[in-house]
Amino acid sequence: MHISERIFSRRSALGLSKAALGKAIGITGVSVGKWESGLNQPKGRYLNDLAAALGVSVDWLLTGKEEGVTSVVESPFPGYRNVEPAVIPQGDRVPILSYVQAGNWREICEQATGFDGNVEYVTASVDIGPRGFGLWLRGNSMSPQFNEGDLVIVDPDEQPRPGDFVVAKNGSDEATFKKYRPRGIDENGKEVFELVPLNEDYPPMHSDRQHIEIIGVMVEHRTFRKR
């Protein structure tokens, strides 16, 4: 079975129209139709959002196969409940976080807070610490090198070095992705650094002017031709 057929079968099983599924993902019903006809294939963040909307994993959508144990996965649509294998992280498999989860990742790890079955995992291509995670990028503050829908793998156990790309807590509950630039030590012996966007239309962030906290260092970057 092709990915287009799996999308159609899951949507039909949930009794959803193409428009309803598209609305849940943030696209049109026409785009869903192109996925189901095989004209296009979901990529980047749309693949993750589609899997969540259908109550399945990205691995199942792509291959039809699943590793892990079987558990109940809640569909995002009220009134529906389905059973699919939930992925258990093994080896270098890391969870894909939302920006809010990434912003609070240290606290989540310290509290050993679990995830529900809808969390997707990705296999890192590099050695990574036990607290590693993935993040779908959004916005254009890091273009042209990084674009919305790209996937970065982040290791909180790595110490940032000049020129590294990092995920940081931006003073609110959400994370931000920027280039790390150290600026020395202040009079209190505290490190001063900047978080710099690659897009000149956006301003840099300064650790001595606002509260920002480094969460982890990017160790892998994946781009997708189609989104």
N, C-alpha and C. Protein backbone atom coordinates (compact mmCIF):
# COMPACT_ATOMS: atom_id res chain seq x y z
N MET A 1 0.85 -1.20 0.00
CA MET A 1 0.00 0.00 0.00
C MET A 1 0.89 1.25 0.00
N HIS A 2 0.58 2.20 -0.86
CA HIS A 2 1.33 3.45 -0.97
C HIS A 2 0.85 4.43 0.09
N ILE A 3 1.66 5.47 0.39
CA ILE A 3 1.28 6.46 1.39
C ILE A 3 -0.05 7.12 1.03
N SER A 4 -0.30 7.32 -0.26
CA SER A 4 -1.56 7.94 -0.68
C SER A 4 -2.75 7.08 -0.27
N GLU A 5 -2.59 5.77 -0.39
CA GLU A 5 -3.67 4.84 -0.02
C GLU A 5 -3.85 4.80 1.50
N ARG A 6 -2.74 4.92 2.24
CA ARG A 6 -2.84 4.91 3.71
C ARG A 6 -3.54 6.17 4.20
N ILE A 7 -3.26 7.29 3.57
CA ILE A 7 -3.95 8.54 3.95
C ILE A 7 -5.45 8.40 3.70
N PHE A 8 -5.80 7.89 2.52
CA PHE A 8 -7.21 7.73 2.18
C PHE A 8 -7.91 6.76 3.13
N SER A 9 -7.24 5.63 3.43
CA SER A 9 -7.88 4.62 4.28
C SER A 9 -8.11 5.14 5.69
N ARG A 10 -7.13 5.89 6.24
CA ARG A 10 -7.29 6.42 7.60
C ARG A 10 -8.36 7.51 7.64
N ARG A 11 -8.36 8.38 6.63
CA ARG A 11 -9.38 9.43 6.59
C ARG A 11 -10.77 8.82 6.48
N SER A 12 -10.92 7.82 5.64
CA SER A 12 -12.21 7.16 5.47
C SER A 12 -12.64 6.47 6.75
N ALA A 13 -11.69 5.83 7.45
CA ALA A 13 -12.02 5.12 8.68
C ALA A 13 -12.50 6.09 9.76
N LEU A 14 -11.99 7.31 9.73
CA LEU A 14 -12.41 8.32 10.70
C LEU A 14 -13.68 9.05 10.26
N GLY A 15 -14.12 8.81 9.03
CA GLY A 15 -15.32 9.47 8.53
C GLY A 15 -15.14 10.94 8.26
N LEU A 16 -13.91 11.34 7.90
CA LEU A 16 -13.60 12.75 7.67
C LEU A 16 -13.66 13.10 6.19
N SER A 17 -14.11 14.31 5.92
CA SER A 17 -14.03 14.81 4.55
C SER A 17 -12.62 15.33 4.30
N LYS A 18 -12.27 15.52 3.04
CA LYS A 18 -10.96 16.09 2.72
C LYS A 18 -10.82 17.49 3.31
N ALA A 19 -11.91 18.25 3.28
CA ALA A 19 -11.87 19.62 3.80
C ALA A 19 -11.64 19.62 5.31
N ALA A 20 -12.28 18.69 6.02
CA ALA A 20 -12.13 18.62 7.48
C ALA A 20 -10.71 18.24 7.86
N LEU A 21 -10.14 17.28 7.15
CA LEU A 21 -8.76 16.88 7.44
C LEU A 21 -7.81 18.01 7.10
N GLY A 22 -8.04 18.66 5.96
CA GLY A 22 -7.19 19.78 5.57
C GLY A 22 -7.22 20.91 6.59
N LYS A 23 -8.40 21.20 7.12
CA LYS A 23 -8.54 22.27 8.12
C LYS A 23 -7.74 21.95 9.37
N ALA A 24 -7.71 20.68 9.77
CA ALA A 24 -6.97 20.27 10.96
C ALA A 24 -5.47 20.43 10.78
N ILE A 25 -5.01 20.35 9.52
CA ILE A 25 -3.58 20.44 9.23
C ILE A 25 -3.16 21.86 8.87
N GLY A 26 -4.13 22.65 8.38
CA GLY A 26 -3.82 24.00 7.94
C GLY A 26 -3.60 24.10 6.45
N ILE A 27 -4.23 23.19 5.68
CA ILE A 27 -4.15 23.22 4.23
C ILE A 27 -5.57 23.10 3.67
N THR A 28 -5.69 23.07 2.35
CA THR A 28 -7.01 22.95 1.72
C THR A 28 -7.36 21.49 1.47
N GLY A 29 -8.65 21.24 1.26
CA GLY A 29 -9.08 19.90 0.91
C GLY A 29 -8.52 19.47 -0.43
N VAL A 30 -8.26 20.44 -1.31
CA VAL A 30 -7.66 20.13 -2.62
C VAL A 30 -6.27 19.54 -2.44
N SER A 31 -5.51 20.09 -1.48
CA SER A 31 -4.16 19.58 -1.22
C SER A 31 -4.21 18.15 -0.68
N VAL A 32 -5.21 17.88 0.18
CA VAL A 32 -5.39 16.52 0.68
C VAL A 32 -5.69 15.58 -0.48
N GLY A 33 -6.53 16.04 -1.41
CA GLY A 33 -6.86 15.23 -2.58
C GLY A 33 -5.64 14.89 -3.42
N LYS A 34 -4.71 15.83 -3.54
CA LYS A 34 -3.48 15.59 -4.30
C LYS A 34 -2.60 14.56 -3.60
N TRP A 35 -2.59 14.59 -2.25
CA TRP A 35 -1.85 13.56 -1.51
C TRP A 35 -2.45 12.19 -1.77
N GLU A 36 -3.78 12.12 -1.72
CA GLU A 36 -4.46 10.83 -1.87
C GLU A 36 -4.39 10.30 -3.30
N SER A 37 -4.25 11.19 -4.26
CA SER A 37 -4.15 10.76 -5.65
C SER A 37 -2.71 10.43 -6.04
N GLY A 38 -1.76 10.78 -5.16
CA GLY A 38 -0.35 10.52 -5.45
C GLY A 38 0.34 11.61 -6.25
N LEU A 39 -0.37 12.71 -6.55
CA LEU A 39 0.25 13.81 -7.28
C LEU A 39 1.32 14.51 -6.45
N ASN A 40 1.07 14.63 -5.15
CA ASN A 40 2.04 15.21 -4.22
C ASN A 40 2.16 14.28 -3.02
N GLN A 41 3.23 14.48 -2.25
CA GLN A 41 3.41 13.71 -1.02
C GLN A 41 3.72 14.66 0.13
N PRO A 42 3.09 14.48 1.30
CA PRO A 42 3.35 15.38 2.42
C PRO A 42 4.80 15.31 2.87
N LYS A 43 5.38 16.48 3.14
CA LYS A 43 6.77 16.56 3.59
C LYS A 43 6.86 17.51 4.78
N GLY A 44 8.01 17.51 5.42
CA GLY A 44 8.28 18.45 6.49
C GLY A 44 7.25 18.40 7.60
N ARG A 45 6.88 19.57 8.09
CA ARG A 45 5.96 19.64 9.22
C ARG A 45 4.57 19.12 8.86
N TYR A 46 4.21 19.18 7.56
CA TYR A 46 2.89 18.70 7.16
C TYR A 46 2.77 17.19 7.37
N LEU A 47 3.87 16.48 7.21
CA LEU A 47 3.85 15.04 7.43
C LEU A 47 3.57 14.74 8.90
N ASN A 48 4.20 15.49 9.79
CA ASN A 48 3.98 15.31 11.23
C ASN A 48 2.56 15.68 11.61
N ASP A 49 2.06 16.82 11.08
CA ASP A 49 0.71 17.27 11.39
C ASP A 49 -0.34 16.30 10.85
N LEU A 50 -0.08 15.75 9.67
CA LEU A 50 -1.02 14.79 9.07
C LEU A 50 -1.11 13.53 9.93
N ALA A 51 0.04 13.03 10.37
CA ALA A 51 0.04 11.83 11.21
C ALA A 51 -0.74 12.07 12.49
N ALA A 52 -0.53 13.23 13.10
CA ALA A 52 -1.25 13.55 14.34
C ALA A 52 -2.75 13.64 14.09
N ALA A 53 -3.14 14.27 12.97
CA ALA A 53 -4.57 14.43 12.67
C ALA A 53 -5.24 13.09 12.40
N LEU A 54 -4.50 12.13 11.85
CA LEU A 54 -5.06 10.82 11.54
C LEU A 54 -4.90 9.85 12.70
N GLY A 55 -4.19 10.26 13.77
CA GLY A 55 -4.02 9.40 14.93
C GLY A 55 -3.07 8.24 14.67
N VAL A 56 -2.10 8.44 13.76
CA VAL A 56 -1.12 7.41 13.46
C VAL A 56 0.28 8.01 13.58
N SER A 57 1.31 7.23 13.33
CA SER A 57 2.68 7.73 13.39
C SER A 57 3.19 8.05 12.00
N VAL A 58 4.24 8.87 11.94
CA VAL A 58 4.88 9.18 10.67
C VAL A 58 5.45 7.91 10.04
N ASP A 59 6.04 7.04 10.87
CA ASP A 59 6.60 5.79 10.37
C ASP A 59 5.53 4.96 9.65
N TRP A 60 4.33 4.91 10.24
CA TRP A 60 3.27 4.12 9.62
C TRP A 60 2.84 4.74 8.29
N LEU A 61 2.73 6.06 8.24
CA LEU A 61 2.35 6.72 7.00
C LEU A 61 3.37 6.44 5.89
N LEU A 62 4.65 6.49 6.23
CA LEU A 62 5.69 6.33 5.22
C LEU A 62 5.90 4.89 4.79
N THR A 63 5.80 3.96 5.74
CA THR A 63 6.18 2.57 5.44
C THR A 63 5.06 1.56 5.64
N GLY A 64 4.05 1.92 6.43
CA GLY A 64 3.00 0.96 6.75
C GLY A 64 3.41 0.03 7.86
N LYS A 65 4.63 0.20 8.37
CA LYS A 65 5.14 -0.65 9.44
C LYS A 65 5.38 0.18 10.68
N GLU A 66 5.47 -0.49 11.80
CA GLU A 66 5.60 0.21 13.08
C GLU A 66 6.44 -0.61 14.03
N GLU A 67 7.32 0.07 14.79
CA GLU A 67 8.06 -0.58 15.85
C GLU A 67 7.52 -0.09 17.17
N GLY A 68 7.52 -0.92 18.19
CA GLY A 68 7.07 -0.47 19.49
C GLY A 68 6.01 -1.39 20.03
N VAL A 69 5.19 -0.87 20.94
CA VAL A 69 4.13 -1.66 21.55
C VAL A 69 2.79 -1.05 21.20
N THR A 70 1.76 -1.86 21.21
CA THR A 70 0.43 -1.38 20.86
C THR A 70 -0.23 -0.71 22.05
N SER A 71 -0.75 0.48 21.82
CA SER A 71 -1.48 1.21 22.86
C SER A 71 -2.55 2.05 22.21
N VAL A 72 -3.44 2.59 23.01
CA VAL A 72 -4.53 3.40 22.47
C VAL A 72 -4.02 4.80 22.17
N VAL A 73 -4.28 5.27 20.97
CA VAL A 73 -3.90 6.60 20.56
C VAL A 73 -5.17 7.42 20.36
N GLU A 74 -5.24 8.57 20.98
CA GLU A 74 -6.42 9.41 20.86
C GLU A 74 -6.39 10.19 19.56
N SER A 75 -7.48 10.15 18.83
CA SER A 75 -7.61 10.97 17.64
C SER A 75 -7.89 12.40 18.05
N PRO A 76 -7.39 13.40 17.29
CA PRO A 76 -7.68 14.79 17.61
C PRO A 76 -9.11 15.18 17.30
N PHE A 77 -9.88 14.31 16.69
CA PHE A 77 -11.26 14.62 16.35
C PHE A 77 -12.19 13.98 17.37
N PRO A 78 -13.03 14.77 18.07
CA PRO A 78 -13.94 14.22 19.08
C PRO A 78 -14.82 13.13 18.50
N GLY A 79 -15.03 12.08 19.32
CA GLY A 79 -15.92 11.02 18.90
C GLY A 79 -15.23 9.86 18.22
N TYR A 80 -13.93 9.98 17.98
CA TYR A 80 -13.20 8.91 17.33
C TYR A 80 -12.12 8.39 18.27
N ARG A 81 -11.90 7.09 18.23
CA ARG A 81 -10.87 6.46 19.03
C ARG A 81 -10.34 5.27 18.24
N ASN A 82 -9.04 5.17 18.13
CA ASN A 82 -8.47 4.09 17.34
C ASN A 82 -7.27 3.50 18.05
N VAL A 83 -6.88 2.31 17.63
CA VAL A 83 -5.73 1.63 18.22
C VAL A 83 -4.63 1.54 17.18
N GLU A 84 -3.45 2.07 17.50
CA GLU A 84 -2.28 1.99 16.64
C GLU A 84 -1.06 1.78 17.52
N PRO A 85 0.01 1.19 16.97
CA PRO A 85 1.23 1.03 17.76
C PRO A 85 1.84 2.39 18.09
N ALA A 86 2.14 2.64 19.36
CA ALA A 86 2.80 3.87 19.77
C ALA A 86 4.29 3.63 19.81
N VAL A 87 5.07 4.55 19.23
CA VAL A 87 6.50 4.35 19.12
C VAL A 87 7.17 4.57 20.48
N ILE A 88 8.03 3.64 20.89
CA ILE A 88 8.81 3.76 22.09
C ILE A 88 10.23 4.15 21.69
N PRO A 89 10.81 5.25 22.24
CA PRO A 89 12.13 5.67 21.83
C PRO A 89 13.18 4.62 22.15
N GLN A 90 14.02 4.28 21.17
CA GLN A 90 15.08 3.32 21.38
C GLN A 90 16.34 3.84 20.70
N GLY A 91 17.50 3.66 21.35
CA GLY A 91 18.75 4.09 20.76
C GLY A 91 18.76 5.59 20.56
N ASP A 92 18.96 6.03 19.32
CA ASP A 92 19.05 7.44 19.00
C ASP A 92 17.73 8.00 18.49
N ARG A 93 16.63 7.36 18.82
CA ARG A 93 15.30 7.89 18.48
C ARG A 93 14.94 8.97 19.47
N VAL A 94 14.53 10.12 18.96
CA VAL A 94 14.24 11.26 19.83
C VAL A 94 12.84 11.80 19.53
N PRO A 95 12.17 12.39 20.52
CA PRO A 95 10.83 12.92 20.27
C PRO A 95 10.87 14.23 19.50
N ILE A 96 9.87 14.46 18.68
CA ILE A 96 9.72 15.75 18.00
C ILE A 96 8.82 16.62 18.87
N LEU A 97 9.36 17.75 19.31
CA LEU A 97 8.66 18.61 20.26
C LEU A 97 7.99 19.79 19.58
N SER A 98 6.99 20.34 20.25
CA SER A 98 6.43 21.62 19.86
C SER A 98 7.34 22.72 20.41
N TYR A 99 7.11 23.96 20.00
CA TYR A 99 7.94 25.06 20.50
C TYR A 99 7.71 25.28 21.99
N VAL A 100 6.51 25.03 22.47
CA VAL A 100 6.23 25.16 23.90
C VAL A 100 6.94 24.06 24.68
N GLN A 101 6.86 22.82 24.20
CA GLN A 101 7.56 21.72 24.87
C GLN A 101 9.07 21.95 24.88
N ALA A 102 9.62 22.42 23.75
CA ALA A 102 11.05 22.67 23.68
C ALA A 102 11.46 23.77 24.66
N GLY A 103 10.61 24.79 24.81
CA GLY A 103 10.92 25.87 25.73
C GLY A 103 10.95 25.44 27.17
N ASN A 104 10.28 24.36 27.48
CA ASN A 104 10.22 23.85 28.85
C ASN A 104 10.86 22.46 28.98
N TRP A 105 11.76 22.13 28.04
CA TRP A 105 12.29 20.78 27.96
C TRP A 105 13.10 20.39 29.19
N ARG A 106 13.88 21.30 29.74
CA ARG A 106 14.67 20.97 30.92
C ARG A 106 13.76 20.60 32.09
N GLU A 107 12.69 21.38 32.27
CA GLU A 107 11.76 21.09 33.36
C GLU A 107 11.04 19.77 33.13
N ILE A 108 10.67 19.49 31.87
CA ILE A 108 9.99 18.24 31.55
C ILE A 108 10.90 17.05 31.85
N CYS A 109 12.18 17.17 31.48
CA CYS A 109 13.12 16.08 31.74
C CYS A 109 13.34 15.87 33.24
N GLU A 110 13.43 16.97 33.99
CA GLU A 110 13.65 16.86 35.43
C GLU A 110 12.46 16.22 36.13
N GLN A 111 11.26 16.50 35.61
CA GLN A 111 10.05 15.97 36.24
C GLN A 111 9.69 14.59 35.68
N ALA A 112 10.48 14.13 34.69
CA ALA A 112 10.22 12.83 34.05
C ALA A 112 8.78 12.74 33.55
N THR A 113 8.31 13.85 32.96
CA THR A 113 6.95 13.89 32.44
C THR A 113 6.84 13.08 31.16
N GLY A 114 5.87 12.21 31.07
CA GLY A 114 5.71 11.37 29.88
C GLY A 114 4.95 12.07 28.79
N PHE A 115 4.87 11.41 27.63
CA PHE A 115 4.13 11.91 26.49
C PHE A 115 2.95 11.00 26.22
N ASP A 116 1.96 11.54 25.53
CA ASP A 116 0.86 10.67 25.11
C ASP A 116 1.26 9.99 23.80
N GLY A 117 0.40 9.13 23.31
CA GLY A 117 0.74 8.31 22.15
C GLY A 117 0.88 9.06 20.85
N ASN A 118 0.46 10.32 20.79
CA ASN A 118 0.52 11.06 19.54
C ASN A 118 1.89 11.69 19.28
N VAL A 119 2.81 11.61 20.22
CA VAL A 119 4.13 12.18 20.01
C VAL A 119 4.89 11.35 18.99
N GLU A 120 5.50 12.03 18.01
CA GLU A 120 6.26 11.35 16.98
C GLU A 120 7.74 11.32 17.35
N TYR A 121 8.44 10.31 16.86
CA TYR A 121 9.86 10.18 17.10
C TYR A 121 10.59 10.12 15.76
N VAL A 122 11.84 10.55 15.79
CA VAL A 122 12.68 10.51 14.60
C VAL A 122 14.02 9.89 15.00
N THR A 123 14.66 9.20 14.09
CA THR A 123 15.96 8.59 14.37
C THR A 123 17.07 9.55 13.96
N ALA A 124 17.90 9.93 14.91
CA ALA A 124 19.02 10.83 14.62
C ALA A 124 20.10 10.07 13.87
N SER A 125 20.79 10.78 12.99
CA SER A 125 21.86 10.18 12.20
C SER A 125 23.22 10.34 12.87
N VAL A 126 23.25 10.99 14.03
CA VAL A 126 24.49 11.23 14.76
C VAL A 126 24.31 10.76 16.20
N ASP A 127 25.43 10.59 16.91
CA ASP A 127 25.35 10.25 18.33
C ASP A 127 24.73 11.43 19.07
N ILE A 128 23.82 11.14 19.98
CA ILE A 128 23.11 12.20 20.68
C ILE A 128 22.81 11.76 22.11
N GLY A 129 22.77 12.71 23.02
CA GLY A 129 22.53 12.42 24.42
C GLY A 129 21.11 11.96 24.68
N PRO A 130 20.83 11.49 25.89
CA PRO A 130 19.51 10.94 26.23
C PRO A 130 18.39 11.97 26.25
N ARG A 131 18.73 13.26 26.27
CA ARG A 131 17.70 14.30 26.30
C ARG A 131 17.49 14.95 24.93
N GLY A 132 18.03 14.35 23.88
CA GLY A 132 17.90 14.92 22.55
C GLY A 132 16.46 14.99 22.06
N PHE A 133 16.20 15.92 21.15
CA PHE A 133 14.85 16.07 20.59
C PHE A 133 14.92 16.66 19.19
N GLY A 134 13.81 16.56 18.47
CA GLY A 134 13.68 17.16 17.16
C GLY A 134 12.72 18.33 17.21
N LEU A 135 12.88 19.26 16.26
CA LEU A 135 12.01 20.44 16.20
C LEU A 135 11.79 20.82 14.75
N TRP A 136 10.49 20.90 14.34
CA TRP A 136 10.17 21.44 13.02
C TRP A 136 10.30 22.95 13.09
N LEU A 137 11.07 23.54 12.19
CA LEU A 137 11.28 24.99 12.22
C LEU A 137 10.08 25.72 11.63
N ARG A 138 9.82 26.89 12.16
CA ARG A 138 8.74 27.73 11.63
C ARG A 138 9.26 29.16 11.47
N GLY A 139 8.60 29.90 10.59
CA GLY A 139 9.02 31.28 10.34
C GLY A 139 10.23 31.36 9.42
N ASN A 140 10.69 32.59 9.16
CA ASN A 140 11.80 32.79 8.22
C ASN A 140 12.94 33.59 8.82
N SER A 141 13.05 33.62 10.15
CA SER A 141 14.11 34.41 10.78
C SER A 141 15.50 33.83 10.53
N MET A 142 15.57 32.54 10.11
CA MET A 142 16.88 31.91 9.88
C MET A 142 17.11 31.58 8.41
N SER A 143 16.30 32.16 7.54
CA SER A 143 16.51 31.96 6.11
C SER A 143 17.70 32.81 5.65
N PRO A 144 18.41 32.43 4.60
CA PRO A 144 18.06 31.36 3.66
C PRO A 144 18.61 29.98 4.03
N GLN A 145 19.42 29.88 5.07
CA GLN A 145 20.04 28.59 5.40
C GLN A 145 19.05 27.60 6.01
N PHE A 146 18.10 28.13 6.78
CA PHE A 146 17.07 27.31 7.42
C PHE A 146 15.71 27.87 7.02
N ASN A 147 14.80 26.97 6.66
CA ASN A 147 13.48 27.40 6.20
C ASN A 147 12.37 26.73 7.00
N GLU A 148 11.20 27.33 6.96
CA GLU A 148 10.05 26.75 7.64
C GLU A 148 9.79 25.34 7.10
N GLY A 149 9.59 24.38 8.01
CA GLY A 149 9.37 23.00 7.62
C GLY A 149 10.62 22.16 7.66
N ASP A 150 11.80 22.79 7.84
CA ASP A 150 13.03 22.02 8.04
C ASP A 150 12.98 21.37 9.42
N LEU A 151 13.72 20.28 9.57
CA LEU A 151 13.79 19.58 10.85
C LEU A 151 15.20 19.69 11.40
N VAL A 152 15.33 20.10 12.66
CA VAL A 152 16.63 20.12 13.32
C VAL A 152 16.60 19.14 14.49
N ILE A 153 17.73 18.47 14.71
CA ILE A 153 17.91 17.57 15.85
C ILE A 153 18.80 18.30 16.84
N VAL A 154 18.38 18.35 18.11
CA VAL A 154 19.04 19.18 19.12
C VAL A 154 19.50 18.31 20.29
N ASP A 155 20.73 18.59 20.77
CA ASP A 155 21.28 17.85 21.90
C ASP A 155 21.52 18.81 23.07
N PRO A 156 20.71 18.73 24.14
CA PRO A 156 20.90 19.59 25.31
C PRO A 156 22.17 19.29 26.10
N ASP A 157 22.79 18.15 25.84
CA ASP A 157 24.01 17.79 26.56
C ASP A 157 25.28 18.33 25.90
N GLU A 158 25.12 19.01 24.76
CA GLU A 158 26.25 19.65 24.09
C GLU A 158 26.39 21.09 24.58
N GLN A 159 27.62 21.54 24.79
CA GLN A 159 27.88 22.92 25.16
C GLN A 159 28.05 23.77 23.90
N PRO A 160 27.38 24.91 23.82
CA PRO A 160 27.46 25.72 22.60
C PRO A 160 28.84 26.34 22.41
N ARG A 161 29.29 26.38 21.17
CA ARG A 161 30.54 27.03 20.80
C ARG A 161 30.23 28.15 19.82
N PRO A 162 31.14 29.12 19.68
CA PRO A 162 30.88 30.24 18.75
C PRO A 162 30.48 29.74 17.37
N GLY A 163 29.37 30.26 16.87
CA GLY A 163 28.89 29.88 15.54
C GLY A 163 27.92 28.73 15.51
N ASP A 164 27.71 28.06 16.66
CA ASP A 164 26.74 26.97 16.72
C ASP A 164 25.32 27.52 16.58
N PHE A 165 24.42 26.66 16.11
CA PHE A 165 23.00 27.00 16.07
C PHE A 165 22.33 26.33 17.27
N VAL A 166 21.56 27.09 17.99
CA VAL A 166 21.02 26.60 19.26
C VAL A 166 19.51 26.84 19.35
N VAL A 167 18.87 26.05 20.20
CA VAL A 167 17.50 26.31 20.61
C VAL A 167 17.58 26.91 22.01
N ALA A 168 16.85 27.99 22.24
CA ALA A 168 16.90 28.67 23.52
C ALA A 168 15.50 29.06 23.97
N LYS A 169 15.35 29.22 25.26
CA LYS A 169 14.10 29.73 25.82
C LYS A 169 14.13 31.24 25.72
N ASN A 170 13.11 31.82 25.11
CA ASN A 170 13.17 33.22 24.73
C ASN A 170 12.54 34.20 25.72
N GLY A 171 12.43 33.80 26.98
CA GLY A 171 11.84 34.69 27.96
C GLY A 171 10.37 34.41 28.20
N SER A 172 9.76 33.67 27.30
CA SER A 172 8.37 33.23 27.48
C SER A 172 8.38 31.72 27.62
N ASP A 173 7.27 31.08 27.36
CA ASP A 173 7.21 29.63 27.48
C ASP A 173 7.65 28.90 26.21
N GLU A 174 8.00 29.66 25.17
CA GLU A 174 8.33 29.03 23.90
C GLU A 174 9.83 29.07 23.63
N ALA A 175 10.24 28.27 22.65
CA ALA A 175 11.64 28.20 22.25
C ALA A 175 11.87 29.07 21.03
N THR A 176 13.14 29.35 20.77
CA THR A 176 13.54 30.06 19.57
C THR A 176 14.80 29.39 19.04
N PHE A 177 15.01 29.47 17.73
CA PHE A 177 16.17 28.84 17.09
C PHE A 177 17.03 29.93 16.46
N LYS A 178 18.28 30.06 16.92
CA LYS A 178 19.14 31.13 16.46
C LYS A 178 20.61 30.69 16.46
N LYS A 179 21.49 31.56 15.94
CA LYS A 179 22.93 31.34 15.94
C LYS A 179 23.52 31.90 17.23
N TYR A 180 24.41 31.13 17.83
CA TYR A 180 25.01 31.49 19.12
C TYR A 180 26.30 32.29 18.90
N ARG A 181 26.39 33.45 19.60
CA ARG A 181 27.57 34.30 19.48
C ARG A 181 27.95 34.81 20.88
N PRO A 182 29.02 34.26 21.49
CA PRO A 182 29.43 34.72 22.82
C PRO A 182 30.04 36.11 22.76
N ARG A 183 29.85 36.89 23.85
CA ARG A 183 30.35 38.26 23.91
C ARG A 183 31.23 38.52 25.12
N GLY A 184 31.65 37.47 25.81
CA GLY A 184 32.54 37.64 26.94
C GLY A 184 31.85 37.42 28.28
N ILE A 185 32.46 37.96 29.33
CA ILE A 185 31.99 37.80 30.70
C ILE A 185 31.68 39.17 31.28
N ASP A 186 30.55 39.30 31.98
CA ASP A 186 30.21 40.59 32.57
C ASP A 186 30.91 40.77 33.92
N GLU A 187 30.66 41.89 34.58
CA GLU A 187 31.33 42.23 35.83
C GLU A 187 31.00 41.28 36.97
N ASN A 188 29.92 40.52 36.82
CA ASN A 188 29.54 39.53 37.83
C ASN A 188 30.05 38.13 37.51
N GLY A 189 30.86 38.03 36.45
CA GLY A 189 31.41 36.75 36.08
C GLY A 189 30.46 35.87 35.29
N LYS A 190 29.37 36.46 34.80
CA LYS A 190 28.39 35.71 34.05
C LYS A 190 28.64 35.87 32.55
N GLU A 191 28.47 34.76 31.82
CA GLU A 191 28.67 34.79 30.37
C GLU A 191 27.63 35.67 29.69
N VAL A 192 28.08 36.47 28.76
CA VAL A 192 27.19 37.30 27.95
C VAL A 192 27.22 36.78 26.51
N PHE A 193 26.05 36.62 25.92
CA PHE A 193 26.01 36.10 24.55
C PHE A 193 24.84 36.71 23.79
N GLU A 194 24.88 36.55 22.48
CA GLU A 194 23.80 36.98 21.60
C GLU A 194 23.23 35.77 20.88
N LEU A 195 21.97 35.85 20.53
CA LEU A 195 21.33 34.89 19.63
C LEU A 195 20.99 35.66 18.36
N VAL A 196 21.59 35.24 17.27
CA VAL A 196 21.56 36.04 16.05
C VAL A 196 20.73 35.36 14.96
N PRO A 197 19.74 36.04 14.40
CA PRO A 197 19.01 35.50 13.24
C PRO A 197 19.84 35.68 11.98
N LEU A 198 19.69 34.77 11.02
CA LEU A 198 20.41 34.91 9.75
C LEU A 198 19.70 35.87 8.81
N ASN A 199 18.41 36.07 9.01
CA ASN A 199 17.63 37.03 8.24
C ASN A 199 17.80 38.40 8.87
N GLU A 200 18.38 39.33 8.15
CA GLU A 200 18.69 40.65 8.69
C GLU A 200 17.45 41.47 9.04
N ASP A 201 16.28 41.03 8.64
CA ASP A 201 15.05 41.74 8.98
C ASP A 201 14.66 41.55 10.45
N TYR A 202 15.33 40.61 11.13
CA TYR A 202 15.01 40.32 12.53
C TYR A 202 16.15 40.77 13.44
N PRO A 203 15.84 41.28 14.63
CA PRO A 203 16.89 41.75 15.54
C PRO A 203 17.51 40.60 16.34
N PRO A 204 18.78 40.76 16.75
CA PRO A 204 19.40 39.75 17.62
C PRO A 204 18.85 39.86 19.04
N MET A 205 19.05 38.81 19.81
CA MET A 205 18.66 38.79 21.21
C MET A 205 19.93 38.85 22.05
N HIS A 206 19.90 39.60 23.18
CA HIS A 206 21.07 39.81 24.02
C HIS A 206 20.80 39.29 25.42
N SER A 207 21.68 38.42 25.91
CA SER A 207 21.46 37.82 27.22
C SER A 207 21.58 38.83 28.37
N ASP A 208 22.27 39.96 28.14
CA ASP A 208 22.40 40.97 29.20
C ASP A 208 21.26 41.99 29.17
N ARG A 209 20.34 41.83 28.23
CA ARG A 209 19.20 42.74 28.12
C ARG A 209 17.87 42.04 28.31
N GLN A 210 17.83 40.75 28.10
CA GLN A 210 16.60 39.99 28.26
C GLN A 210 16.93 38.59 28.75
N HIS A 211 15.96 37.94 29.34
CA HIS A 211 16.19 36.62 29.91
C HIS A 211 16.07 35.57 28.82
N ILE A 212 17.20 34.98 28.44
CA ILE A 212 17.23 33.88 27.49
C ILE A 212 18.12 32.78 28.06
N GLU A 213 17.75 31.55 27.77
CA GLU A 213 18.45 30.40 28.32
C GLU A 213 18.68 29.37 27.22
N ILE A 214 19.92 28.94 27.03
CA ILE A 214 20.25 27.94 26.02
C ILE A 214 19.68 26.59 26.44
N ILE A 215 18.93 25.95 25.55
CA ILE A 215 18.35 24.63 25.83
C ILE A 215 19.20 23.53 25.24
N GLY A 216 19.70 23.72 24.02
CA GLY A 216 20.50 22.69 23.38
C GLY A 216 21.12 23.17 22.09
N VAL A 217 22.03 22.38 21.56
CA VAL A 217 22.78 22.71 20.35
C VAL A 217 22.31 21.83 19.20
N MET A 218 22.09 22.43 18.03
CA MET A 218 21.71 21.66 16.85
C MET A 218 22.87 20.76 16.43
N VAL A 219 22.58 19.48 16.21
CA VAL A 219 23.60 18.53 15.77
C VAL A 219 23.28 17.93 14.40
N GLU A 220 22.06 18.22 13.91
CA GLU A 220 21.68 17.70 12.60
C GLU A 220 20.60 18.59 12.02
N HIS A 221 20.65 18.79 10.69
CA HIS A 221 19.68 19.63 9.98
C HIS A 221 19.19 18.88 8.75
N ARG A 222 17.88 18.74 8.63
CA ARG A 222 17.30 18.05 7.49
C ARG A 222 16.37 18.99 6.73
N THR A 223 16.55 19.04 5.42
CA THR A 223 15.71 19.88 4.59
C THR A 223 14.82 18.99 3.72
N PHE A 224 13.71 19.57 3.26
CA PHE A 224 12.75 18.83 2.45
C PHE A 224 12.41 19.68 1.22
N ARG A 225 12.44 19.07 0.06
CA ARG A 225 12.21 19.80 -1.19
C ARG A 225 10.75 20.23 -1.33
N LYS A 226 9.84 19.34 -0.89
CA LYS A 226 8.42 19.65 -1.00
C LYS A 226 7.83 19.72 0.39
N ARG A 227 6.83 20.61 0.59
CA ARG A 227 6.19 20.76 1.90
C ARG A 227 4.69 20.72 1.72
